[in-house]
Amino acid sequence: MLVGPSGSGKSAWAARRYRPDEVVSSDRLRSLVGSGEHDLDASADAFALLDQIVAARLRRGLTAVVDTLGLDPERRRGYLELARGSGMPAVAVLVDTDPLECRRRNRARDRPVPAPVLDAQLRRMRAAVTEIGGEGWDVVISAQTARPEPSHTPGAQTAASEQRRRPVRMGLVLQLSRFPWGDDPAGPAHWLASVARAAAEAGLQGIALMDHLIQIPQVGRSWEPIPEPWVTLGMLAGLEPGLRLGTLVTPVTFRASGILAKTVATLDALSGGRSFCGIGAGWWAREHAGFCLRFPLARTRLDELESAMETLRALW
């Protein structure tokens, strides 16, 4: 919830930090249901639509940045209750820009807010700062000092800091997606050994395997070989001792995250610290049906992906 008078820079602040579809703006909605952003006759319809959009996004667990003045305590409480009902964190961002700067920006607009109206907003802002402290928001922050992390990139700032502290060098791995080893039982070992040797000689850092139960149509026919990756990676670990080994990628729908953590950790221990785990939400319904695995909606799979990443980090 952005809170600030006209000219404080709320919309610009949100635009720099969030995707356009995450920001729900009363001005933008006035232009959709009326003749433009300044069509005050369209305000009632615009705010009714704004409330619907915010409620719908929160029901789906999506970020909703409410870009209005935010000076009305009753309206603020309404959005706070929506957040509580959906289990989403409620954050109030105070865009407390210097009044002189607000007035300067307002004068520079094509359609400035009348001076008495802006003066009233500035007075209301002083009161709102006090009110918000007792309204029960999870976080109350100042736009001048806030460094928010959008919900669609959790951990990005922490990862960036770690990368600056301990830079990770880029490396290339070879992904194997086809296995033309024929019918000879000794064929797989011989073929895999030659591929691993060639990858090492070419200077690649590792080998990755797809994690699929049926060969995917983008690669070959459904009856063509597609080995279980973690068993196969265990075999590869003894063929070329310098290669890193992992999946691109393992769906969270295939294995319980605790079991996956144990599998990857075992390969890592046996290979001397060379395993990695690419992980995803899964996408191919057919292989799930063919192997009696549940295939929930995308939202549920993405929630499970987030949970699995937390579990893997915790167990490792």
Protein backbone atom coordinates (compact mmCIF):
# COMPACT_ATOMS: atom_id res chain seq x y z
CA MET A 1 0.00 0.00 0.00
CA LEU A 2 1.59 3.25 -1.18
CA VAL A 3 0.80 6.27 0.98
CA GLY A 4 1.63 9.78 -0.18
CA PRO A 5 0.18 13.03 -1.56
CA SER A 6 0.01 13.97 -5.23
CA GLY A 7 3.46 14.65 -6.65
CA SER A 8 5.26 12.56 -4.05
CA GLY A 9 6.48 10.07 -6.66
CA LYS A 10 4.49 6.97 -5.71
CA SER A 11 3.93 5.74 -9.25
CA ALA A 12 7.55 6.31 -10.28
CA TRP A 13 8.75 4.48 -7.14
CA ALA A 14 6.54 1.48 -7.90
CA ALA A 15 7.43 1.41 -11.60
CA ARG A 16 11.14 1.10 -10.81
CA ARG A 17 10.62 -1.87 -8.53
CA TYR A 18 7.67 -3.91 -9.77
CA ARG A 19 6.27 -5.31 -12.97
CA PRO A 20 3.43 -3.27 -14.51
CA ASP A 21 0.86 -6.00 -13.83
CA GLU A 22 1.77 -5.99 -10.12
CA VAL A 23 0.87 -2.30 -9.70
CA VAL A 24 -2.84 -1.50 -9.38
CA SER A 25 -3.23 2.23 -9.98
CA SER A 26 -6.38 4.28 -9.40
CA ASP A 27 -5.23 6.84 -11.98
CA ARG A 28 -4.70 4.14 -14.59
CA LEU A 29 -8.13 2.64 -13.90
CA ARG A 30 -9.77 6.07 -14.15
CA SER A 31 -8.36 6.33 -17.66
CA LEU A 32 -9.82 2.90 -18.49
CA VAL A 33 -13.35 3.51 -17.20
CA GLY A 34 -13.45 7.28 -17.83
CA SER A 35 -12.06 9.90 -20.16
CA GLY A 36 -8.60 10.01 -18.56
CA GLU A 37 -6.58 9.84 -15.36
CA HIS A 38 -8.05 13.12 -14.15
CA ASP A 39 -11.69 12.21 -14.79
CA LEU A 40 -12.92 12.47 -11.20
CA ASP A 41 -16.44 11.49 -12.26
CA ALA A 42 -15.02 8.02 -12.97
CA SER A 43 -13.46 7.65 -9.49
CA ALA A 44 -16.21 5.50 -8.00
CA ASP A 45 -16.07 3.01 -10.87
CA ALA A 46 -12.26 3.07 -10.89
CA PHE A 47 -11.98 2.30 -7.17
CA ALA A 48 -14.61 -0.43 -7.40
CA LEU A 49 -12.54 -2.06 -10.13
CA LEU A 50 -9.33 -1.47 -8.17
CA ASP A 51 -10.79 -3.26 -5.15
CA GLN A 52 -11.80 -6.22 -7.32
CA ILE A 53 -8.36 -6.52 -8.89
CA VAL A 54 -6.52 -6.31 -5.57
CA ALA A 55 -8.82 -8.92 -4.00
CA ALA A 56 -8.40 -11.26 -7.00
CA ARG A 57 -4.61 -11.00 -6.99
CA LEU A 58 -4.38 -11.60 -3.26
CA ARG A 59 -6.63 -14.67 -3.51
CA ARG A 60 -4.08 -16.10 -5.94
CA GLY A 61 -1.13 -15.20 -3.72
CA LEU A 62 0.11 -12.54 -6.16
CA THR A 63 1.79 -9.25 -5.33
CA ALA A 64 -0.56 -6.26 -5.45
CA VAL A 65 1.01 -2.81 -5.16
CA VAL A 66 -1.90 -0.45 -4.43
CA ASP A 67 -1.05 2.87 -6.07
CA THR A 68 -3.53 5.39 -4.66
CA LEU A 69 -3.12 8.35 -2.31
CA GLY A 70 -3.52 5.92 0.60
CA LEU A 71 -4.58 8.76 2.88
CA ASP A 72 -8.07 7.42 3.71
CA PRO A 73 -7.81 5.29 6.89
CA GLU A 74 -11.01 3.36 6.12
CA ARG A 75 -9.75 2.36 2.67
CA ARG A 76 -6.37 1.39 4.13
CA ARG A 77 -8.08 -0.86 6.68
CA GLY A 78 -10.00 -2.51 3.86
CA TYR A 79 -6.81 -3.47 2.04
CA LEU A 80 -5.24 -4.58 5.31
CA GLU A 81 -8.18 -6.94 5.91
CA LEU A 82 -7.85 -8.32 2.36
CA ALA A 83 -4.20 -9.09 3.03
CA ARG A 84 -5.03 -10.75 6.34
CA GLY A 85 -7.76 -12.87 4.75
CA SER A 86 -5.43 -14.11 2.01
CA GLY A 87 -2.44 -14.74 4.26
CA MET A 88 -0.34 -12.20 2.35
CA PRO A 89 2.06 -9.79 4.10
CA ALA A 90 0.70 -6.26 4.46
CA VAL A 91 3.27 -3.51 3.85
CA ALA A 92 2.67 0.24 4.04
CA VAL A 93 5.17 2.33 2.05
CA LEU A 94 5.29 5.97 3.16
CA VAL A 95 6.24 8.19 0.23
CA ASP A 96 6.85 11.19 2.48
CA THR A 97 8.40 13.55 -0.06
CA ASP A 98 9.23 17.10 0.99
CA PRO A 99 6.10 19.29 0.57
CA LEU A 100 8.03 21.89 -1.45
CA GLU A 101 9.05 19.18 -3.92
CA CYS A 102 5.46 17.90 -4.16
CA ARG A 103 4.26 21.42 -4.97
CA ARG A 104 7.03 21.92 -7.55
CA ARG A 105 6.17 18.65 -9.32
CA ASN A 106 2.48 19.46 -9.19
CA ARG A 107 3.00 22.85 -10.86
CA ALA A 108 4.95 21.17 -13.66
CA ARG A 109 2.07 18.85 -14.55
CA ASP A 110 -0.21 19.42 -17.53
CA ARG A 111 -3.18 19.04 -15.20
CA PRO A 112 -2.01 20.10 -11.72
CA VAL A 113 -4.02 19.29 -8.63
CA PRO A 114 -5.60 22.50 -7.26
CA ALA A 115 -3.32 24.03 -4.63
CA PRO A 116 -5.90 23.85 -1.80
CA VAL A 117 -6.47 20.16 -2.54
CA LEU A 118 -2.74 19.43 -2.43
CA ASP A 119 -2.39 21.40 0.82
CA ALA A 120 -5.12 19.25 2.36
CA GLN A 121 -3.35 16.08 1.19
CA LEU A 122 -0.08 17.24 2.75
CA ARG A 123 -1.83 17.88 6.07
CA ARG A 124 -3.56 14.50 5.86
CA MET A 125 -0.17 12.85 5.18
CA ARG A 126 1.18 14.09 8.52
CA ALA A 127 -1.79 12.52 10.28
CA ALA A 128 -1.55 9.31 8.23
CA VAL A 129 2.04 8.70 9.32
CA THR A 130 0.84 8.58 12.93
CA GLU A 131 -2.30 6.56 12.18
CA ILE A 132 -0.54 3.85 10.19
CA GLY A 133 1.75 3.00 13.10
CA GLY A 134 -1.25 1.74 15.04
CA GLU A 135 -3.19 0.03 12.25
CA GLY A 136 -1.42 -3.31 12.43
CA TRP A 137 0.61 -3.41 9.19
CA ASP A 138 3.26 -6.12 9.11
CA VAL A 139 5.85 -3.64 7.89
CA VAL A 140 5.81 0.16 7.68
CA ILE A 141 8.70 1.53 5.64
CA SER A 142 9.82 4.78 4.10
CA ALA A 143 10.16 4.89 0.32
CA GLN A 144 13.40 6.84 0.74
CA THR A 145 15.11 3.97 2.56
CA ALA A 146 13.17 0.91 1.41
CA ARG A 147 14.86 -1.73 -0.72
CA PRO A 148 11.91 -4.05 -1.39
CA GLU A 149 12.37 -7.43 -2.97
CA PRO A 150 9.51 -8.32 -5.32
CA SER A 151 7.80 -11.61 -4.66
CA HIS A 152 8.72 -12.99 -8.07
CA THR A 153 12.46 -12.88 -7.27
CA PRO A 154 12.81 -14.18 -3.71
CA GLY A 155 16.41 -14.24 -2.49
CA ALA A 156 17.71 -12.17 -5.41
CA GLN A 157 19.28 -9.46 -3.26
CA THR A 158 20.89 -12.02 -0.97
CA ALA A 159 22.21 -13.93 -3.98
CA ALA A 160 23.59 -10.73 -5.54
CA SER A 161 25.39 -9.87 -2.30
CA GLU A 162 26.86 -13.37 -2.10
CA GLN A 163 27.98 -13.18 -5.73
CA ARG A 164 29.82 -9.92 -5.02
CA ARG A 165 31.44 -11.45 -1.93
CA ARG A 166 32.35 -14.77 -3.54
CA PRO A 167 32.14 -14.48 -7.34
CA VAL A 168 31.06 -17.64 -9.12
CA ARG A 169 32.73 -18.30 -12.45
CA MET A 170 30.56 -19.20 -15.41
CA GLY A 171 30.83 -22.77 -16.63
CA LEU A 172 29.25 -24.83 -19.40
CA VAL A 173 27.83 -28.32 -19.03
CA LEU A 174 26.67 -30.75 -21.69
CA GLN A 175 23.04 -31.80 -21.44
CA LEU A 176 22.33 -35.32 -22.70
CA SER A 177 18.80 -35.75 -23.98
CA ARG A 178 19.13 -38.73 -26.39
CA PHE A 179 20.65 -42.13 -25.66
CA PRO A 180 21.39 -44.03 -28.90
CA TRP A 181 23.01 -46.99 -27.22
CA GLY A 182 21.13 -49.76 -29.01
CA ASP A 183 20.23 -53.14 -27.53
CA ASP A 184 23.66 -54.24 -26.27
CA PRO A 185 23.66 -54.39 -22.43
CA ALA A 186 27.25 -53.19 -22.51
CA GLY A 187 26.31 -50.39 -24.88
CA PRO A 188 25.15 -47.80 -22.36
CA ALA A 189 28.37 -47.93 -20.36
CA HIS A 190 30.52 -47.76 -23.45
CA TRP A 191 28.49 -44.97 -25.04
CA LEU A 192 28.24 -42.93 -21.83
CA ALA A 193 31.95 -43.37 -21.18
CA SER A 194 32.81 -42.03 -24.63
CA VAL A 195 30.49 -39.04 -24.22
CA ALA A 196 31.88 -38.23 -20.76
CA ARG A 197 35.44 -38.49 -22.06
CA ALA A 198 34.65 -36.23 -25.02
CA ALA A 199 32.99 -33.66 -22.76
CA ALA A 200 36.03 -33.54 -20.48
CA GLU A 201 38.43 -33.26 -23.43
CA ALA A 202 36.36 -30.40 -24.85
CA GLY A 203 36.80 -28.45 -21.61
CA LEU A 204 33.20 -28.67 -20.45
CA GLN A 205 32.65 -28.54 -16.71
CA GLY A 206 29.99 -31.21 -16.43
CA ILE A 207 27.15 -33.32 -17.75
CA ALA A 208 23.45 -32.78 -17.10
CA LEU A 209 20.60 -35.19 -17.74
CA MET A 210 16.94 -34.44 -18.36
CA ASP A 211 14.64 -35.84 -15.69
CA HIS A 212 11.79 -37.41 -17.67
CA LEU A 213 9.98 -40.73 -17.50
CA ILE A 214 9.13 -40.81 -21.21
CA GLN A 215 11.21 -39.37 -24.02
CA ILE A 216 9.78 -35.93 -24.79
CA PRO A 217 8.39 -35.15 -28.25
CA GLN A 218 10.84 -32.28 -28.76
CA VAL A 219 13.67 -34.81 -28.75
CA GLY A 220 12.44 -38.17 -30.02
CA ARG A 221 9.82 -40.91 -29.99
CA SER A 222 8.13 -41.85 -26.75
CA TRP A 223 9.55 -45.41 -26.82
CA GLU A 224 13.17 -44.30 -27.21
CA PRO A 225 15.50 -44.73 -24.19
CA ILE A 226 15.31 -42.17 -21.39
CA PRO A 227 17.16 -43.45 -18.29
CA GLU A 228 16.40 -42.45 -14.71
CA PRO A 229 18.88 -39.59 -14.24
CA TRP A 230 20.16 -39.99 -10.70
CA VAL A 231 21.03 -43.66 -11.16
CA THR A 232 22.75 -42.77 -14.44
CA LEU A 233 24.62 -39.84 -12.87
CA GLY A 234 25.90 -42.21 -10.18
CA MET A 235 27.43 -44.34 -12.93
CA LEU A 236 28.86 -41.27 -14.67
CA ALA A 237 30.54 -40.19 -11.44
CA GLY A 238 33.04 -43.02 -11.82
CA LEU A 239 33.80 -42.45 -15.49
CA GLU A 240 35.30 -38.95 -15.58
CA PRO A 241 36.31 -37.75 -12.11
CA GLY A 242 36.49 -34.07 -13.06
CA LEU A 243 32.94 -33.54 -14.34
CA ARG A 244 30.13 -31.95 -12.37
CA LEU A 245 26.89 -33.95 -12.52
CA GLY A 246 23.24 -33.00 -12.14
CA THR A 247 19.81 -32.60 -13.70
CA LEU A 248 18.27 -30.00 -15.98
CA VAL A 249 15.77 -30.26 -14.51
CA THR A 250 14.09 -32.42 -11.87
CA PRO A 251 10.33 -31.75 -11.47
CA VAL A 252 9.16 -31.37 -7.88
CA THR A 253 6.22 -33.62 -8.77
CA PHE A 254 8.47 -36.66 -9.22
CA ARG A 255 10.07 -36.96 -5.79
CA ALA A 256 9.42 -35.75 -2.28
CA SER A 257 11.82 -32.88 -1.63
CA GLY A 258 13.39 -34.64 1.36
CA ILE A 259 14.17 -37.72 -0.73
CA LEU A 260 15.57 -35.55 -3.51
CA ALA A 261 17.80 -33.75 -1.01
CA LYS A 262 19.15 -37.09 0.19
CA THR A 263 19.72 -38.33 -3.38
CA VAL A 264 21.68 -35.25 -4.43
CA ALA A 265 23.67 -35.16 -1.18
CA THR A 266 24.61 -38.83 -1.61
CA LEU A 267 25.85 -38.25 -5.17
CA ASP A 268 27.76 -35.19 -3.93
CA ALA A 269 29.48 -37.17 -1.18
CA LEU A 270 30.35 -40.11 -3.44
CA SER A 271 31.63 -37.89 -6.26
CA GLY A 272 33.74 -35.61 -4.07
CA GLY A 273 31.48 -32.58 -4.17
CA ARG A 274 30.57 -32.59 -7.86
CA SER A 275 26.76 -32.82 -7.88
CA PHE A 276 24.22 -30.10 -8.63
CA CYS A 277 20.44 -30.09 -8.82
CA GLY A 278 18.40 -28.20 -11.37
CA ILE A 279 14.79 -28.11 -10.19
CA GLY A 280 11.50 -27.04 -11.76
CA ALA A 281 7.72 -27.22 -11.48
CA GLY A 282 7.20 -29.91 -14.13
CA TRP A 283 5.22 -29.41 -17.32
CA TRP A 284 4.29 -32.65 -19.10
CA ALA A 285 0.98 -34.08 -17.92
CA ARG A 286 1.28 -37.25 -20.02
CA GLU A 287 4.27 -38.73 -18.19
CA HIS A 288 2.62 -38.03 -14.85
CA ALA A 289 -0.52 -39.88 -15.92
CA GLY A 290 1.52 -42.74 -17.38
CA PHE A 291 3.39 -43.30 -14.12
CA CYS A 292 0.46 -42.63 -11.73
CA LEU A 293 1.89 -39.34 -10.47
CA ARG A 294 -0.28 -36.41 -9.46
CA PHE A 295 -0.10 -33.34 -11.72
CA PRO A 296 -1.74 -30.40 -9.93
CA LEU A 297 -2.46 -26.98 -11.37
CA ALA A 298 0.46 -24.69 -12.19
CA ARG A 299 -0.13 -22.52 -9.12
CA THR A 300 0.12 -25.55 -6.81
CA ARG A 301 3.21 -26.85 -8.59
CA LEU A 302 4.92 -23.46 -8.27
CA ASP A 303 4.06 -23.33 -4.57
CA GLU A 304 5.55 -26.82 -4.21
CA LEU A 305 8.66 -25.67 -6.09
CA GLU A 306 9.19 -22.81 -3.64
CA SER A 307 8.66 -25.14 -0.69
CA ALA A 308 11.06 -27.72 -2.16
CA MET A 309 13.83 -25.14 -2.59
CA GLU A 310 13.48 -24.14 1.05
CA THR A 311 13.55 -27.78 2.11
CA LEU A 312 16.61 -28.60 0.01
CA ARG A 313 18.54 -25.62 1.39
CA ALA A 314 17.57 -26.50 4.95
CA LEU A 315 18.55 -30.18 4.67
CA TRP A 316 21.78 -29.51 2.84
